[in-house]
Amino acid sequence: MKHPMTKAAALVLAVAPVVAAGVVSGSAVSAATPSHVTEVMKILTTGKLAGSGEQPRITNSSWTVHKGQTVTVKIISFDDGSAPLMGQYMKYDKVMGTVNGKEVAGGKTINNVSDINISHTFTVAKLGFNMPIPVAPTGKSIVVTASFKATKTGTFTWNCYAPCGTGTTGMAGAMKTMGWMTGQIKVR
């Protein structure tokens, strides 16, 4: 099923540092670097990608955190369209790599989202982190949060693995374009 791109929809990841400094897992975090941060992004499904038409699009698709920090990702989704996972991406219906093995979606603590109820994923495969994003109720939003520990340094690509792009599989267009449904996390 193709993800409906004509609906006014958005996913918002709110980023604001939580003021708390200290030593985390043997990694020194200076007083100027908080030990816990919340990262901010907006994912809009009304962007125009050249040659592909209306596609989901991310603002602030790349950000930097520090090794040892606990990073909370908060997503406010207004997207009421589903994009069921296919083939090798079916495993991304499960929450993975979070601090407690779960996420909070719509006020409920969960460890997976049924395939037919997925709108997007926020997946950092090389960090083992995955947040399935459920379809929002029509005309309303759903808030999804999860945290992970930044345990290794490097630049890590994140992707949405729900087929909400173009092409016969829905995995082209925005899905392959940096700053649309893919981005980077730098851990220093």
N, C-alpha and C. Protein backbone atom coordinates (compact mmCIF):
# COMPACT_ATOMS: atom_id res chain seq x y z
N MET A 1 0.85 -1.17 0.00
CA MET A 1 0.00 0.00 0.00
C MET A 1 0.90 1.23 0.00
N LYS A 2 0.61 2.17 -0.84
CA LYS A 2 1.42 3.38 -0.93
C LYS A 2 1.01 4.36 0.15
N HIS A 3 1.97 4.99 0.74
CA HIS A 3 1.77 5.97 1.79
C HIS A 3 1.09 7.19 1.20
N PRO A 4 -0.04 7.66 1.75
CA PRO A 4 -0.70 8.83 1.18
C PRO A 4 0.12 10.09 1.42
N MET A 5 0.50 10.74 0.34
CA MET A 5 1.34 11.92 0.43
C MET A 5 0.54 13.21 0.33
N THR A 6 -0.76 13.15 0.14
CA THR A 6 -1.54 14.35 -0.05
C THR A 6 -2.09 14.89 1.26
N LYS A 7 -1.95 14.17 2.33
CA LYS A 7 -2.47 14.62 3.62
C LYS A 7 -1.50 15.59 4.27
N ALA A 8 -2.03 16.61 4.91
CA ALA A 8 -1.18 17.50 5.69
C ALA A 8 -0.75 16.70 6.90
N ALA A 9 0.57 16.48 7.01
CA ALA A 9 1.03 15.64 8.11
C ALA A 9 2.43 16.06 8.51
N ALA A 10 2.79 15.77 9.75
CA ALA A 10 4.13 16.08 10.21
C ALA A 10 4.50 15.20 11.37
N LEU A 11 5.79 14.92 11.46
CA LEU A 11 6.35 14.29 12.64
C LEU A 11 7.31 15.31 13.22
N VAL A 12 7.27 15.49 14.48
CA VAL A 12 8.15 16.47 15.09
C VAL A 12 8.98 15.77 16.14
N LEU A 13 10.28 15.93 16.03
CA LEU A 13 11.18 15.47 17.09
C LEU A 13 11.61 16.73 17.83
N ALA A 14 11.28 16.84 19.09
CA ALA A 14 11.62 18.03 19.84
C ALA A 14 12.97 17.85 20.50
N VAL A 15 13.86 18.82 20.31
CA VAL A 15 15.18 18.73 20.90
C VAL A 15 15.41 19.86 21.88
N ALA A 16 15.71 19.52 23.07
CA ALA A 16 16.06 20.50 24.08
C ALA A 16 16.96 19.81 25.08
N PRO A 17 18.10 20.40 25.40
CA PRO A 17 18.97 19.73 26.35
C PRO A 17 18.35 19.69 27.75
N VAL A 18 18.56 18.58 28.40
CA VAL A 18 18.14 18.44 29.78
C VAL A 18 19.38 18.76 30.60
N VAL A 19 19.27 19.68 31.52
CA VAL A 19 20.43 20.13 32.26
C VAL A 19 20.78 19.11 33.34
N ALA A 20 21.85 18.37 33.08
CA ALA A 20 22.37 17.40 34.03
C ALA A 20 23.74 17.00 33.54
N ALA A 21 24.76 17.22 34.32
CA ALA A 21 26.10 16.88 33.90
C ALA A 21 26.70 15.92 34.89
N GLY A 22 27.70 15.16 34.44
CA GLY A 22 28.35 14.23 35.33
C GLY A 22 29.16 13.22 34.56
N VAL A 23 29.45 12.08 35.20
CA VAL A 23 30.20 11.02 34.57
C VAL A 23 29.22 9.91 34.23
N VAL A 24 29.27 9.43 32.97
CA VAL A 24 28.34 8.42 32.50
C VAL A 24 29.13 7.23 31.96
N SER A 25 28.89 6.06 32.48
CA SER A 25 29.51 4.81 32.01
C SER A 25 31.01 4.94 31.78
N GLY A 26 31.70 5.54 32.69
CA GLY A 26 33.13 5.66 32.56
C GLY A 26 33.58 6.73 31.58
N SER A 27 32.67 7.36 30.88
CA SER A 27 33.02 8.43 29.96
C SER A 27 32.80 9.75 30.67
N ALA A 28 33.83 10.54 30.75
CA ALA A 28 33.68 11.82 31.41
C ALA A 28 32.84 12.75 30.56
N VAL A 29 31.84 13.34 31.15
CA VAL A 29 31.02 14.35 30.48
C VAL A 29 31.24 15.61 31.29
N SER A 30 31.79 16.65 30.64
CA SER A 30 32.14 17.86 31.36
C SER A 30 30.89 18.59 31.84
N ALA A 31 31.09 19.53 32.75
CA ALA A 31 29.99 20.33 33.27
C ALA A 31 29.29 21.09 32.15
N ALA A 32 30.01 21.40 31.05
CA ALA A 32 29.42 22.12 29.93
C ALA A 32 28.62 21.19 29.01
N THR A 33 28.79 19.87 29.15
CA THR A 33 28.10 18.91 28.32
C THR A 33 27.11 18.13 29.18
N PRO A 34 25.81 18.30 28.92
CA PRO A 34 24.83 17.57 29.73
C PRO A 34 24.93 16.06 29.48
N SER A 35 24.60 15.26 30.49
CA SER A 35 24.66 13.81 30.34
C SER A 35 23.41 13.26 29.66
N HIS A 36 22.39 14.09 29.52
CA HIS A 36 21.14 13.65 28.89
C HIS A 36 20.64 14.79 28.00
N VAL A 37 20.35 14.46 26.75
CA VAL A 37 19.81 15.45 25.82
C VAL A 37 18.58 14.87 25.13
N THR A 38 17.72 15.74 24.65
CA THR A 38 16.59 15.36 23.81
C THR A 38 16.82 16.03 22.47
N GLU A 39 16.80 15.26 21.39
CA GLU A 39 17.11 15.79 20.06
C GLU A 39 15.85 16.23 19.32
N VAL A 40 15.99 17.30 18.47
CA VAL A 40 14.86 17.94 17.79
C VAL A 40 14.93 17.80 16.28
N MET A 41 13.83 17.39 15.69
CA MET A 41 13.69 17.34 14.23
C MET A 41 12.21 17.50 13.89
N LYS A 42 11.93 17.88 12.65
CA LYS A 42 10.57 17.88 12.13
C LYS A 42 10.56 17.02 10.87
N ILE A 43 9.58 16.16 10.76
CA ILE A 43 9.42 15.35 9.56
C ILE A 43 8.07 15.72 8.97
N LEU A 44 8.09 16.35 7.80
CA LEU A 44 6.87 16.81 7.14
C LEU A 44 6.60 15.95 5.92
N THR A 45 5.36 15.60 5.66
CA THR A 45 5.05 14.77 4.49
C THR A 45 4.54 15.60 3.32
N THR A 46 4.72 16.88 3.37
CA THR A 46 4.21 17.75 2.31
C THR A 46 5.31 18.43 1.51
N GLY A 47 6.55 17.95 1.61
CA GLY A 47 7.64 18.54 0.86
C GLY A 47 7.60 18.16 -0.61
N LYS A 48 8.18 18.98 -1.47
CA LYS A 48 8.25 18.70 -2.91
C LYS A 48 9.69 18.35 -3.26
N LEU A 49 9.93 17.09 -3.63
CA LEU A 49 11.24 16.61 -4.03
C LEU A 49 11.30 16.61 -5.56
N ALA A 50 12.27 17.31 -6.13
CA ALA A 50 12.38 17.41 -7.59
C ALA A 50 12.31 16.04 -8.24
N GLY A 51 11.43 15.90 -9.21
CA GLY A 51 11.29 14.66 -9.94
C GLY A 51 10.45 13.60 -9.25
N SER A 52 10.08 13.83 -8.00
CA SER A 52 9.33 12.82 -7.25
C SER A 52 8.00 13.33 -6.72
N GLY A 53 7.77 14.63 -6.82
CA GLY A 53 6.52 15.19 -6.30
C GLY A 53 6.52 15.30 -4.79
N GLU A 54 5.34 15.21 -4.21
CA GLU A 54 5.18 15.37 -2.77
C GLU A 54 5.75 14.16 -2.04
N GLN A 55 6.65 14.42 -1.09
CA GLN A 55 7.36 13.37 -0.36
C GLN A 55 7.52 13.77 1.11
N PRO A 56 7.71 12.77 1.99
CA PRO A 56 8.03 13.12 3.37
C PRO A 56 9.39 13.81 3.43
N ARG A 57 9.52 14.82 4.28
CA ARG A 57 10.77 15.58 4.36
C ARG A 57 11.11 15.91 5.80
N ILE A 58 12.40 15.89 6.08
CA ILE A 58 12.90 16.15 7.42
C ILE A 58 13.62 17.49 7.46
N THR A 59 13.40 18.23 8.52
CA THR A 59 14.22 19.41 8.79
C THR A 59 15.17 19.00 9.91
N ASN A 60 16.34 19.61 9.95
CA ASN A 60 17.34 19.28 10.96
C ASN A 60 17.61 17.78 10.96
N SER A 61 17.91 17.24 9.78
CA SER A 61 18.07 15.80 9.64
C SER A 61 19.39 15.26 10.19
N SER A 62 20.31 16.14 10.52
CA SER A 62 21.60 15.71 11.07
C SER A 62 21.88 16.48 12.35
N TRP A 63 22.39 15.77 13.36
CA TRP A 63 22.72 16.41 14.63
C TRP A 63 23.88 15.70 15.29
N THR A 64 24.44 16.33 16.31
CA THR A 64 25.62 15.82 16.99
C THR A 64 25.34 15.66 18.47
N VAL A 65 25.80 14.54 19.04
CA VAL A 65 25.73 14.29 20.48
C VAL A 65 27.11 13.84 20.92
N HIS A 66 27.27 13.65 22.22
CA HIS A 66 28.56 13.24 22.75
C HIS A 66 28.51 11.82 23.29
N LYS A 67 29.61 11.11 23.12
CA LYS A 67 29.72 9.76 23.66
C LYS A 67 29.43 9.81 25.16
N GLY A 68 28.64 8.87 25.62
CA GLY A 68 28.29 8.81 27.04
C GLY A 68 26.95 9.45 27.34
N GLN A 69 26.44 10.27 26.43
CA GLN A 69 25.14 10.91 26.67
C GLN A 69 24.00 9.92 26.46
N THR A 70 22.96 10.09 27.25
CA THR A 70 21.69 9.43 26.98
C THR A 70 20.90 10.40 26.12
N VAL A 71 20.43 9.91 24.98
CA VAL A 71 19.73 10.74 24.00
C VAL A 71 18.27 10.30 23.94
N THR A 72 17.37 11.24 24.22
CA THR A 72 15.94 10.97 24.08
C THR A 72 15.47 11.54 22.76
N VAL A 73 14.78 10.71 21.99
CA VAL A 73 14.18 11.12 20.73
C VAL A 73 12.68 11.23 20.99
N LYS A 74 12.12 12.40 20.74
CA LYS A 74 10.68 12.64 20.92
C LYS A 74 10.07 12.98 19.57
N ILE A 75 9.07 12.20 19.17
CA ILE A 75 8.43 12.39 17.88
C ILE A 75 6.95 12.68 18.11
N ILE A 76 6.49 13.79 17.58
CA ILE A 76 5.06 14.11 17.61
C ILE A 76 4.58 13.94 16.19
N SER A 77 3.75 12.91 15.96
CA SER A 77 3.32 12.58 14.61
C SER A 77 1.88 12.98 14.37
N PHE A 78 1.68 13.69 13.27
CA PHE A 78 0.34 14.06 12.81
C PHE A 78 -0.02 13.24 11.57
N ASP A 79 0.84 12.28 11.20
CA ASP A 79 0.67 11.51 9.97
C ASP A 79 -0.31 10.37 10.19
N ASP A 80 -1.45 10.43 9.51
CA ASP A 80 -2.47 9.39 9.68
C ASP A 80 -2.45 8.38 8.53
N GLY A 81 -1.38 8.37 7.75
CA GLY A 81 -1.25 7.39 6.66
C GLY A 81 -0.34 6.25 7.08
N SER A 82 -0.69 5.02 6.68
CA SER A 82 0.15 3.88 7.02
C SER A 82 1.08 3.55 5.86
N ALA A 83 2.20 2.92 6.19
CA ALA A 83 3.18 2.47 5.21
C ALA A 83 3.72 1.13 5.72
N PRO A 84 2.92 0.06 5.56
CA PRO A 84 3.33 -1.25 6.08
C PRO A 84 4.71 -1.67 5.60
N LEU A 85 5.49 -2.25 6.49
CA LEU A 85 6.85 -2.69 6.19
C LEU A 85 6.81 -3.90 5.26
N MET A 86 7.89 -4.05 4.46
CA MET A 86 7.94 -5.15 3.50
C MET A 86 9.29 -5.86 3.59
N GLY A 87 9.30 -7.15 3.27
CA GLY A 87 10.52 -7.93 3.12
C GLY A 87 11.50 -7.78 4.27
N GLN A 88 12.73 -7.42 3.92
CA GLN A 88 13.81 -7.31 4.91
C GLN A 88 13.57 -6.25 5.98
N TYR A 89 12.61 -5.36 5.74
CA TYR A 89 12.35 -4.27 6.68
C TYR A 89 11.29 -4.64 7.73
N MET A 90 10.70 -5.83 7.62
CA MET A 90 9.63 -6.25 8.55
C MET A 90 10.11 -6.23 10.01
N LYS A 91 11.40 -6.47 10.24
CA LYS A 91 11.91 -6.50 11.62
C LYS A 91 11.82 -5.15 12.31
N TYR A 92 11.63 -4.07 11.54
CA TYR A 92 11.59 -2.74 12.14
C TYR A 92 10.22 -2.37 12.72
N ASP A 93 9.35 -3.36 12.89
CA ASP A 93 8.11 -3.12 13.63
C ASP A 93 8.38 -3.21 15.14
N LYS A 94 9.59 -3.65 15.50
CA LYS A 94 9.97 -3.81 16.91
C LYS A 94 10.83 -2.64 17.39
N VAL A 95 10.64 -2.26 18.64
CA VAL A 95 11.50 -1.27 19.28
C VAL A 95 12.83 -1.95 19.56
N MET A 96 13.94 -1.31 19.20
CA MET A 96 15.26 -1.90 19.41
C MET A 96 16.25 -0.86 19.93
N GLY A 97 17.17 -1.31 20.76
CA GLY A 97 18.30 -0.49 21.19
C GLY A 97 17.98 0.65 22.13
N THR A 98 16.78 0.66 22.71
CA THR A 98 16.43 1.73 23.64
C THR A 98 16.97 1.39 25.03
N VAL A 99 17.03 2.37 25.89
CA VAL A 99 17.55 2.20 27.23
C VAL A 99 16.80 1.09 27.97
N ASN A 100 15.48 1.02 27.81
CA ASN A 100 14.68 0.02 28.54
C ASN A 100 14.03 -1.01 27.62
N GLY A 101 14.39 -1.03 26.33
CA GLY A 101 13.81 -1.98 25.39
C GLY A 101 12.41 -1.62 24.93
N LYS A 102 11.97 -0.42 25.26
CA LYS A 102 10.60 0.00 24.92
C LYS A 102 10.60 1.45 24.45
N GLU A 103 9.44 1.87 23.91
CA GLU A 103 9.17 3.27 23.63
C GLU A 103 7.81 3.58 24.23
N VAL A 104 7.52 4.87 24.34
CA VAL A 104 6.21 5.30 24.80
C VAL A 104 5.51 5.93 23.61
N ALA A 105 4.34 5.38 23.23
CA ALA A 105 3.58 5.87 22.08
C ALA A 105 2.16 6.14 22.55
N GLY A 106 1.74 7.39 22.42
CA GLY A 106 0.39 7.75 22.85
C GLY A 106 0.15 7.50 24.32
N GLY A 107 1.20 7.64 25.14
CA GLY A 107 1.08 7.46 26.58
C GLY A 107 1.17 6.01 27.04
N LYS A 108 1.32 5.07 26.10
CA LYS A 108 1.43 3.64 26.45
C LYS A 108 2.84 3.15 26.18
N THR A 109 3.38 2.36 27.11
CA THR A 109 4.70 1.77 26.93
C THR A 109 4.54 0.52 26.07
N ILE A 110 5.28 0.47 24.95
CA ILE A 110 5.15 -0.64 24.01
C ILE A 110 6.52 -1.13 23.56
N ASN A 111 6.56 -2.34 22.97
CA ASN A 111 7.82 -2.84 22.41
C ASN A 111 7.72 -3.16 20.93
N ASN A 112 6.54 -2.92 20.33
CA ASN A 112 6.40 -3.06 18.88
C ASN A 112 5.14 -2.33 18.42
N VAL A 113 5.04 -2.15 17.09
CA VAL A 113 3.86 -1.55 16.47
C VAL A 113 3.42 -2.51 15.37
N SER A 114 2.14 -2.86 15.33
CA SER A 114 1.68 -3.78 14.29
C SER A 114 2.00 -3.21 12.92
N ASP A 115 2.40 -4.09 12.02
CA ASP A 115 2.85 -3.68 10.69
C ASP A 115 1.84 -2.79 9.97
N ILE A 116 0.57 -3.09 10.06
CA ILE A 116 -0.43 -2.29 9.35
C ILE A 116 -0.67 -0.93 9.99
N ASN A 117 -0.11 -0.72 11.17
CA ASN A 117 -0.29 0.54 11.89
C ASN A 117 0.97 1.41 11.89
N ILE A 118 1.98 1.07 11.08
CA ILE A 118 3.23 1.85 11.03
C ILE A 118 3.11 2.94 9.97
N SER A 119 3.57 4.14 10.35
CA SER A 119 3.61 5.26 9.43
C SER A 119 5.05 5.53 8.97
N HIS A 120 6.00 5.46 9.91
CA HIS A 120 7.42 5.70 9.64
C HIS A 120 8.23 4.89 10.64
N THR A 121 9.54 4.83 10.43
CA THR A 121 10.45 4.35 11.46
C THR A 121 11.57 5.38 11.57
N PHE A 122 12.18 5.45 12.74
CA PHE A 122 13.40 6.22 12.95
C PHE A 122 14.43 5.18 13.35
N THR A 123 15.29 4.80 12.39
CA THR A 123 16.18 3.66 12.56
C THR A 123 17.63 4.06 12.35
N VAL A 124 18.47 3.79 13.33
CA VAL A 124 19.92 3.99 13.22
C VAL A 124 20.50 2.57 13.32
N ALA A 125 20.56 1.89 12.18
CA ALA A 125 20.92 0.46 12.16
C ALA A 125 22.27 0.18 12.81
N LYS A 126 23.29 1.00 12.54
CA LYS A 126 24.62 0.73 13.09
C LYS A 126 24.73 1.00 14.59
N LEU A 127 23.74 1.66 15.16
CA LEU A 127 23.66 1.81 16.61
C LEU A 127 22.65 0.83 17.22
N GLY A 128 21.98 0.07 16.35
CA GLY A 128 20.99 -0.89 16.81
C GLY A 128 19.74 -0.25 17.39
N PHE A 129 19.44 0.99 16.97
CA PHE A 129 18.31 1.75 17.53
C PHE A 129 17.18 1.84 16.51
N ASN A 130 15.96 1.52 16.95
CA ASN A 130 14.80 1.60 16.07
C ASN A 130 13.57 2.03 16.85
N MET A 131 12.86 3.00 16.30
CA MET A 131 11.57 3.45 16.83
C MET A 131 10.53 3.32 15.72
N PRO A 132 9.60 2.36 15.82
CA PRO A 132 8.49 2.35 14.87
C PRO A 132 7.50 3.45 15.26
N ILE A 133 7.03 4.21 14.29
CA ILE A 133 6.12 5.32 14.55
C ILE A 133 4.72 4.92 14.10
N PRO A 134 3.77 4.81 15.04
CA PRO A 134 2.40 4.42 14.66
C PRO A 134 1.67 5.52 13.90
N VAL A 135 0.65 5.10 13.17
CA VAL A 135 -0.25 6.02 12.49
C VAL A 135 -0.95 6.87 13.55
N ALA A 136 -1.03 8.17 13.32
CA ALA A 136 -1.75 9.06 14.24
C ALA A 136 -3.25 8.95 13.98
N PRO A 137 -4.05 9.13 15.01
CA PRO A 137 -5.50 9.16 14.78
C PRO A 137 -5.84 10.32 13.82
N THR A 138 -6.79 10.12 12.94
CA THR A 138 -7.17 11.14 11.97
C THR A 138 -7.50 12.46 12.67
N GLY A 139 -6.83 13.53 12.24
CA GLY A 139 -7.06 14.85 12.80
C GLY A 139 -6.40 15.09 14.15
N LYS A 140 -5.64 14.12 14.64
CA LYS A 140 -4.96 14.26 15.94
C LYS A 140 -3.49 13.91 15.78
N SER A 141 -2.78 13.93 16.88
CA SER A 141 -1.36 13.56 16.86
C SER A 141 -1.12 12.42 17.84
N ILE A 142 0.06 11.81 17.68
CA ILE A 142 0.53 10.82 18.63
C ILE A 142 1.97 11.18 18.99
N VAL A 143 2.31 11.10 20.27
CA VAL A 143 3.66 11.41 20.74
C VAL A 143 4.37 10.09 21.00
N VAL A 144 5.59 9.97 20.45
CA VAL A 144 6.40 8.76 20.62
C VAL A 144 7.76 9.19 21.15
N THR A 145 8.22 8.55 22.23
CA THR A 145 9.54 8.86 22.79
C THR A 145 10.29 7.56 23.09
N ALA A 146 11.61 7.64 22.96
CA ALA A 146 12.50 6.54 23.32
C ALA A 146 13.88 7.13 23.54
N SER A 147 14.69 6.45 24.35
CA SER A 147 16.04 6.92 24.65
C SER A 147 17.06 5.85 24.32
N PHE A 148 18.26 6.30 23.90
CA PHE A 148 19.38 5.38 23.70
C PHE A 148 20.63 6.00 24.29
N LYS A 149 21.62 5.17 24.57
CA LYS A 149 22.89 5.61 25.11
C LYS A 149 23.89 5.68 23.96
N ALA A 150 24.54 6.84 23.79
CA ALA A 150 25.56 7.02 22.75
C ALA A 150 26.85 6.38 23.25
N THR A 151 27.10 5.13 22.86
CA THR A 151 28.22 4.36 23.42
C THR A 151 29.45 4.32 22.55
N LYS A 152 29.33 4.71 21.26
CA LYS A 152 30.51 4.70 20.40
C LYS A 152 30.52 5.94 19.52
N THR A 153 31.74 6.37 19.17
CA THR A 153 31.88 7.57 18.34
C THR A 153 31.80 7.21 16.86
N GLY A 154 31.46 8.22 16.07
CA GLY A 154 31.40 8.04 14.63
C GLY A 154 30.23 8.80 14.05
N THR A 155 30.04 8.66 12.75
CA THR A 155 28.91 9.26 12.05
C THR A 155 28.01 8.11 11.61
N PHE A 156 26.75 8.16 12.03
CA PHE A 156 25.81 7.07 11.81
C PHE A 156 24.62 7.58 11.02
N THR A 157 24.26 6.86 9.97
CA THR A 157 23.11 7.23 9.14
C THR A 157 21.84 6.67 9.77
N TRP A 158 20.80 7.49 9.80
CA TRP A 158 19.48 6.99 10.21
C TRP A 158 18.60 6.98 8.97
N ASN A 159 17.61 6.10 8.98
CA ASN A 159 16.69 5.96 7.86
C ASN A 159 15.28 5.71 8.37
N CYS A 160 14.31 6.00 7.53
CA CYS A 160 12.95 5.52 7.70
C CYS A 160 12.86 4.28 6.82
N TYR A 161 12.41 3.16 7.39
CA TYR A 161 12.29 1.93 6.61
C TYR A 161 10.84 1.58 6.29
N ALA A 162 9.91 2.47 6.58
CA ALA A 162 8.53 2.29 6.14
C ALA A 162 8.46 2.83 4.70
N PRO A 163 7.89 2.11 3.75
CA PRO A 163 7.93 2.50 2.34
C PRO A 163 7.01 3.68 2.03
N CYS A 164 7.44 4.86 2.45
CA CYS A 164 6.62 6.07 2.29
C CYS A 164 7.13 6.96 1.16
N GLY A 165 8.04 6.43 0.33
CA GLY A 165 8.59 7.21 -0.78
C GLY A 165 7.93 6.87 -2.09
N THR A 166 8.69 6.95 -3.17
CA THR A 166 8.16 6.69 -4.50
C THR A 166 8.70 5.37 -5.04
N GLY A 167 8.33 5.06 -6.27
CA GLY A 167 8.79 3.83 -6.91
C GLY A 167 7.85 2.68 -6.60
N THR A 168 8.07 1.55 -7.25
CA THR A 168 7.18 0.40 -7.09
C THR A 168 7.19 -0.15 -5.67
N THR A 169 8.28 0.03 -4.95
CA THR A 169 8.35 -0.48 -3.57
C THR A 169 8.16 0.63 -2.54
N GLY A 170 8.07 1.88 -2.96
CA GLY A 170 7.95 2.99 -2.03
C GLY A 170 9.25 3.37 -1.35
N MET A 171 10.39 2.80 -1.83
CA MET A 171 11.67 3.03 -1.17
C MET A 171 12.60 3.93 -1.98
N ALA A 172 12.07 4.67 -2.95
CA ALA A 172 12.88 5.60 -3.75
C ALA A 172 12.50 7.04 -3.37
N GLY A 173 13.02 7.99 -4.11
CA GLY A 173 12.71 9.40 -3.85
C GLY A 173 13.23 9.85 -2.50
N ALA A 174 12.34 10.26 -1.62
CA ALA A 174 12.70 10.79 -0.31
C ALA A 174 13.48 9.77 0.53
N MET A 175 13.21 8.49 0.32
CA MET A 175 13.86 7.44 1.11
C MET A 175 15.35 7.39 0.89
N LYS A 176 15.82 7.82 -0.26
CA LYS A 176 17.24 7.76 -0.63
C LYS A 176 17.90 9.13 -0.64
N THR A 177 17.17 10.18 -0.26
CA THR A 177 17.68 11.54 -0.36
C THR A 177 17.98 12.10 1.02
N MET A 178 19.27 12.41 1.26
CA MET A 178 19.70 12.96 2.55
C MET A 178 18.91 14.22 2.85
N GLY A 179 18.42 14.31 4.08
CA GLY A 179 17.64 15.46 4.49
C GLY A 179 16.15 15.28 4.25
N TRP A 180 15.77 14.16 3.68
CA TRP A 180 14.35 13.87 3.46
C TRP A 180 13.94 12.76 4.45
N MET A 181 14.11 11.49 4.10
CA MET A 181 13.80 10.42 5.04
C MET A 181 15.06 9.66 5.45
N THR A 182 16.18 10.35 5.41
CA THR A 182 17.45 9.84 5.89
C THR A 182 18.29 11.01 6.37
N GLY A 183 19.17 10.76 7.31
CA GLY A 183 20.02 11.81 7.87
C GLY A 183 21.18 11.19 8.63
N GLN A 184 21.87 12.00 9.43
CA GLN A 184 23.05 11.51 10.15
C GLN A 184 23.07 11.96 11.59
N ILE A 185 23.62 11.09 12.42
CA ILE A 185 23.89 11.41 13.82
C ILE A 185 25.38 11.29 14.01
N LYS A 186 26.00 12.35 14.50
CA LYS A 186 27.43 12.30 14.81
C LYS A 186 27.57 12.15 16.31
N VAL A 187 28.38 11.19 16.72
CA VAL A 187 28.67 10.99 18.14
C VAL A 187 30.16 11.28 18.31
N ARG A 188 30.46 12.31 19.12
CA ARG A 188 31.87 12.72 19.33
C ARG A 188 32.36 12.29 20.68
